[in-house]
Amino acid sequence: MNTQTPRPTEAELAILDVLWTRGEATVREVYEDLYARDGGGYTNALKLLQVMHGKGLVVRDDSQRAHVFRAAVTRDVARSRLLGPIVQKLFGGRRLDLVLSVLGAGEAPGPEELAEVRALLDRLERERGR
């Protein structure tokens, strides 16, 4: 997601999550994953995908009768794009404060999560030493 691509809304993030999980999906598949249980309309999924296509959040393959959509951005890029303003506004630009806040909030991280954090810190230290 470059600086020209707008940040996705909450509804758009839900659709992107479906696309990231599936890899690609038709409007019907997005509808079934997100809206069918709640009684939401198929046209709602269609309209949101059309808007997202216009924003550059998804790409559309219209070579078949049922258009197939894929996310135009990765989950990691979307996370970075969404977290940037939060880090600036809430944490004064200090990423460490965000990390400490997340790790300290709620239930303590489990052994697997802590191992992942340690592995990340080790990797960052190795990269810094290069």
Protein backbone atom coordinates (compact mmCIF):
# COMPACT_ATOMS: atom_id res chain seq x y z
CA MET A 1 0.00 0.00 0.00
CA ASN A 2 1.81 3.08 -1.11
CA THR A 3 1.13 6.56 0.20
CA GLN A 4 -1.41 7.06 -2.61
CA THR A 5 -3.49 4.07 -1.53
CA PRO A 6 -6.04 4.98 1.15
CA ARG A 7 -6.20 3.08 4.40
CA PRO A 8 -8.93 0.44 4.28
CA THR A 9 -12.08 0.86 6.33
CA GLU A 10 -13.16 -1.77 8.85
CA ALA A 11 -15.51 -3.37 6.29
CA GLU A 12 -12.75 -3.33 3.67
CA LEU A 13 -10.34 -4.97 6.12
CA ALA A 14 -12.84 -7.78 6.65
CA ILE A 15 -12.94 -8.38 2.89
CA LEU A 16 -9.15 -8.17 2.64
CA ASP A 17 -8.91 -10.77 5.39
CA VAL A 18 -11.05 -13.13 3.30
CA LEU A 19 -8.84 -12.51 0.28
CA TRP A 20 -5.61 -12.95 2.25
CA THR A 21 -6.92 -16.23 3.67
CA ARG A 22 -8.29 -17.61 0.41
CA GLY A 23 -5.75 -16.08 -1.95
CA GLU A 24 -8.56 -15.02 -4.27
CA ALA A 25 -12.35 -15.07 -4.20
CA THR A 26 -15.44 -14.29 -6.21
CA VAL A 27 -18.05 -11.86 -4.92
CA ARG A 28 -20.22 -14.85 -3.97
CA GLU A 29 -17.40 -16.37 -1.88
CA VAL A 30 -16.79 -13.08 -0.08
CA TYR A 31 -20.53 -12.75 0.50
CA GLU A 32 -20.78 -16.29 1.89
CA ASP A 33 -17.78 -15.82 4.20
CA LEU A 34 -18.87 -12.46 5.59
CA TYR A 35 -22.50 -11.63 5.05
CA ALA A 36 -24.64 -14.73 4.46
CA ARG A 37 -24.87 -15.63 8.18
CA ASP A 38 -25.89 -12.10 9.17
CA GLY A 39 -28.42 -11.68 6.40
CA GLY A 40 -26.31 -9.04 4.66
CA GLY A 41 -26.86 -8.54 0.98
CA TYR A 42 -24.84 -9.91 -1.91
CA THR A 43 -24.96 -6.44 -3.43
CA ASN A 44 -23.19 -5.05 -0.35
CA ALA A 45 -20.21 -7.36 -0.98
CA LEU A 46 -20.26 -6.46 -4.69
CA LYS A 47 -20.38 -2.72 -4.03
CA LEU A 48 -17.56 -2.85 -1.47
CA LEU A 49 -15.35 -4.85 -3.84
CA GLN A 50 -16.05 -2.36 -6.62
CA VAL A 51 -15.11 0.54 -4.34
CA MET A 52 -11.99 -1.30 -3.18
CA HIS A 53 -11.02 -1.96 -6.80
CA GLY A 54 -11.35 1.76 -7.52
CA LYS A 55 -9.14 2.56 -4.52
CA GLY A 56 -6.49 0.07 -5.62
CA LEU A 57 -6.97 -2.22 -2.62
CA VAL A 58 -7.94 -5.22 -4.76
CA VAL A 59 -7.29 -6.38 -8.30
CA ARG A 60 -9.99 -7.97 -10.40
CA ASP A 61 -9.74 -10.71 -13.00
CA ASP A 62 -12.76 -10.26 -15.23
CA SER A 63 -11.74 -12.81 -17.84
CA GLN A 64 -14.45 -15.20 -16.59
CA ARG A 65 -18.12 -14.68 -15.98
CA ALA A 66 -17.64 -14.57 -12.20
CA HIS A 67 -15.04 -11.92 -11.48
CA VAL A 68 -12.24 -13.06 -9.21
CA PHE A 69 -10.68 -10.63 -6.74
CA ARG A 70 -7.24 -10.68 -5.08
CA ALA A 71 -5.79 -8.35 -2.50
CA ALA A 72 -3.54 -5.77 -4.12
CA VAL A 73 -1.59 -5.39 -0.87
CA THR A 74 -0.15 -7.90 1.57
CA ARG A 75 -1.34 -8.20 5.12
CA ASP A 76 2.04 -6.94 6.38
CA VAL A 77 1.92 -3.85 4.17
CA ALA A 78 -1.63 -3.10 5.31
CA ARG A 79 -0.62 -3.50 8.95
CA SER A 80 2.31 -1.13 8.51
CA ARG A 81 0.12 1.42 6.72
CA LEU A 82 -2.52 1.28 9.45
CA LEU A 83 -0.09 1.25 12.38
CA GLY A 84 2.02 4.18 11.18
CA PRO A 85 -0.46 6.90 12.15
CA ILE A 86 -1.28 5.10 15.42
CA VAL A 87 2.39 4.95 16.39
CA GLN A 88 2.76 8.65 15.56
CA LYS A 89 -0.41 9.86 17.31
CA LEU A 90 -0.61 7.59 20.36
CA PHE A 91 3.02 6.72 20.98
CA GLY A 92 4.88 9.81 19.78
CA GLY A 93 6.53 7.83 17.00
CA ARG A 94 8.08 5.32 19.45
CA ARG A 95 7.46 1.83 18.10
CA LEU A 96 8.86 0.34 21.28
CA ASP A 97 6.09 1.96 23.31
CA LEU A 98 3.52 0.31 21.03
CA VAL A 99 5.17 -3.09 21.46
CA LEU A 100 5.40 -2.71 25.24
CA SER A 101 1.79 -1.57 25.42
CA VAL A 102 0.55 -4.53 23.37
CA LEU A 103 2.64 -7.09 25.26
CA GLY A 104 1.65 -5.64 28.63
CA ALA A 105 -2.07 -5.36 27.96
CA GLY A 106 -4.52 -8.09 28.87
CA GLU A 107 -3.41 -11.68 29.27
CA ALA A 108 0.33 -12.24 29.49
CA PRO A 109 1.94 -13.61 26.33
CA GLY A 110 2.33 -17.38 26.30
CA PRO A 111 5.59 -19.28 25.85
CA GLU A 112 5.19 -19.54 22.07
CA GLU A 113 4.57 -15.81 21.69
CA LEU A 114 7.53 -14.98 23.91
CA ALA A 115 9.73 -17.31 21.86
CA GLU A 116 8.66 -15.47 18.69
CA VAL A 117 9.46 -12.11 20.30
CA ARG A 118 12.89 -13.41 21.36
CA ALA A 119 13.55 -14.74 17.87
CA LEU A 120 12.63 -11.37 16.37
CA LEU A 121 14.89 -9.54 18.81
CA ASP A 122 17.76 -11.92 18.03
CA ARG A 123 17.27 -11.38 14.29
CA LEU A 124 17.17 -7.59 14.70
CA GLU A 125 20.37 -7.68 16.77
CA ARG A 126 22.13 -9.81 14.16
CA GLU A 127 21.03 -7.45 11.38
CA ARG A 128 22.17 -4.44 13.35
CA GLY A 129 25.59 -6.04 13.88
CA ARG A 130 26.17 -6.41 10.14
